[in-house]
Each structure stands twice: as structure tokens, then as C-alpha cells.
Protein backbone atom coordinates (compact mmCIF):
# COMPACT_ATOMS: atom_id res chain seq x y z
CA GLN A 1 -19.34 10.87 8.28
CA ARG A 2 -21.57 11.74 5.96
CA LYS A 3 -24.55 12.47 8.76
CA ASN A 4 -21.96 14.19 11.10
CA PRO A 5 -22.03 17.59 11.62
CA PHE A 6 -19.40 18.35 12.43
CA SER A 7 -17.50 17.02 9.94
CA SER A 8 -16.25 19.85 7.59
CA ASP A 9 -14.79 17.42 4.90
CA ASP A 10 -17.24 18.06 2.07
CA ARG A 11 -15.22 15.45 0.24
CA LEU A 12 -17.68 13.15 2.24
CA ALA A 13 -20.17 14.53 1.32
CA SER A 14 -20.29 14.13 -2.90
CA LYS A 15 -20.04 10.68 -2.43
CA PRO A 16 -22.27 8.48 -2.39
CA ALA A 17 -23.76 6.92 0.65
CA HIS A 18 -24.17 3.50 -0.37
CA THR A 19 -22.42 0.81 -2.53
CA HIS A 20 -24.56 -2.71 -3.36
CA GLN A 21 -23.44 -5.76 -4.19
CA GLY A 22 -23.28 -5.55 -7.95
CA ASP A 23 -21.28 -2.24 -7.56
CA PRO A 24 -17.12 -3.19 -8.98
CA THR A 25 -16.23 -0.29 -6.36
CA TYR A 26 -18.32 -2.82 -3.80
CA GLY A 27 -15.40 -3.25 -0.47
CA ARG A 28 -13.29 -1.49 -1.40
CA PRO A 29 -11.91 1.79 -0.54
CA PRO A 30 -12.82 5.54 -2.32
CA GLU A 31 -9.68 5.80 -5.14
CA GLY A 32 -6.81 7.36 -4.24
CA SER A 33 -8.02 7.46 -0.60
CA ARG A 34 -5.02 6.92 2.51
CA THR A 35 -7.20 3.39 3.12
CA GLU A 36 -5.89 2.49 -0.31
CA GLN A 37 -2.55 3.14 0.03
CA ARG A 38 -2.27 0.95 3.23
CA GLY A 39 -3.87 -1.62 1.75
CA LYS A 40 -2.06 -1.39 -1.32
CA ASP A 41 1.49 -0.98 0.85
CA ALA A 42 0.13 -4.45 3.07
CA HIS A 43 -0.91 -6.04 0.54
CA SER A 44 3.36 -5.35 -0.94
CA HIS A 45 4.84 -6.07 2.29
CA VAL A 46 3.00 -9.44 3.08
CA GLY A 47 4.24 -10.41 -1.25
CA LYS A 48 7.34 -9.63 0.24
CA GLU A 49 7.08 -11.54 3.65
CA VAL A 50 5.57 -14.17 0.70
CA GLU A 51 8.72 -14.22 -1.08
CA GLU A 52 11.57 -14.51 2.07
CA LEU A 53 9.40 -17.60 2.96
CA CYS A 54 9.94 -19.38 0.07
CA LEU A 55 13.89 -18.69 -0.34
CA ILE A 56 14.30 -20.14 3.37
CA ILE A 57 11.82 -23.10 1.76
CA ARG A 58 14.58 -23.45 -0.55
CA SER A 59 17.60 -23.08 1.44
CA THR A 60 16.46 -25.74 4.34
CA GLY A 61 14.74 -27.46 2.69
CA GLN A 62 16.26 -31.09 0.20
CA VAL A 63 15.21 -31.72 -2.60
CA GLY A 64 13.42 -34.78 -3.70
CA GLU A 65 13.36 -37.01 -6.05
CA ASP A 66 10.70 -35.36 -8.54
CA GLY A 67 12.76 -32.34 -8.46
CA HIS A 68 10.97 -29.83 -5.59
CA VAL A 69 12.53 -28.44 -2.76
CA SER A 70 10.38 -30.14 0.61
CA VAL A 71 11.12 -29.24 4.36
CA THR A 72 9.81 -30.53 7.93
CA PHE A 73 7.14 -28.21 8.97
CA GLY A 74 8.74 -27.80 12.47
CA GLN A 75 11.81 -27.15 10.62
CA LEU A 76 11.32 -24.12 8.78
CA PHE A 77 9.51 -22.67 11.96
CA GLU A 78 12.41 -23.08 14.07
CA THR A 79 14.68 -21.29 10.96
CA TYR A 80 11.35 -18.68 10.34
CA VAL A 81 10.91 -17.67 13.66
CA THR A 82 13.22 -15.86 13.99
CA ILE A 83 12.69 -13.88 11.47
CA SER A 84 8.82 -13.91 11.37
CA ASN A 85 5.94 -14.85 13.83
CA LYS A 86 3.55 -14.87 10.92
CA VAL A 87 4.93 -18.62 9.96
CA VAL A 88 1.63 -20.06 9.32
CA GLY A 89 -0.50 -16.91 8.00
CA ILE A 90 2.25 -16.42 5.70
CA LEU A 91 2.15 -20.16 4.47
CA LEU A 92 -1.46 -20.16 3.82
CA ARG A 93 -0.82 -17.44 1.93
CA ALA A 94 1.74 -18.96 -0.18
CA ARG A 95 -0.49 -22.05 -0.34
CA LYS A 96 -3.34 -19.75 -1.72
CA HIS A 97 -1.28 -18.63 -4.80
CA GLY A 98 0.10 -22.15 -5.33
CA LEU A 99 3.53 -21.40 -4.51
CA VAL A 100 4.15 -24.24 -1.93
CA HIS A 101 2.24 -27.55 -1.29
CA PHE A 102 1.59 -29.27 2.95
CA GLU A 103 -1.23 -31.93 3.78
CA GLY A 104 -4.03 -29.95 5.91
CA GLU A 105 -5.94 -26.94 6.90
CA MET A 106 -3.72 -25.66 8.85
CA LEU A 107 -0.70 -26.27 11.47
CA TRP A 108 0.25 -26.40 14.44
CA GLN A 109 3.75 -25.90 16.35
CA GLY A 110 4.62 -29.02 17.98
CA LYS A 111 1.69 -31.27 16.84
CA ASP A 112 2.06 -30.94 12.74
CA ASP A 113 6.15 -30.71 13.42
CA ASP A 114 6.49 -33.75 10.51
CA VAL A 115 4.13 -32.27 7.81
CA VAL A 116 6.08 -31.98 4.60
CA ILE A 117 5.92 -28.52 2.45
CA THR A 118 7.20 -28.52 -0.30
CA LEU A 119 7.46 -25.84 -2.66
CA LEU A 120 6.42 -25.85 -5.95
């Protein structure tokens, strides 16, 4: 849009054309933009889904000897898939934030039904 001669958006012309990797704004949308707001909204939505997943694990799982609640992927999948079809993606996000633990990089329905997921 910066180079578009038909654009009448003056906000674009005042911004630098390129940022570099050392710049703290590199890879981030302009502050106050609708893109930034959409990103914040998406982050909030995913956070809520991670919380809901943890609640489902807590309610359907069994408390182990170590005090942690565990559930198999198959059982979790059957329970959670009625809520959201993004079970694996939300599990990966929860693991990234240190909320759950399971073996393997990716979980596949059917193949990994016996993999134990532990709520940390």
C-alpha cells in the first residue's frame, strides 16, 4: 500500500518502509492497528481454550500417586472433540506453556490413543 499510487491512506506514508531484525518492532504489526488487535484477540481466545482443556483433563483424568492428574489421549480426544476440533494444537500450546506433559512430538488419533497426558 505504501507504493500504491491509488492509496489515499496517509498513515502508511509516514511509516518507515522496512524494519530490520535488530529492531524491537521487527515482525510485529504497527501499534494500535487492527492487525495488532486481531492478534491480541486470537491470543486471548487460544488462552481460554488452553484453560478449558486443562479443566477437561482435571475432570476426566485420574489422580496418580504423584498427585498429578493424568488422562489418555484417546479418552481426552473423545471428550474434547465435541467442544473443539483443535485438540492436538491446543495440547501442543499447553505443553509449550508448561501446563501438560506427554511423550512424543505430535499425537495422532488412533495411533496414540494410549499416550498418557499429565496435567502439571
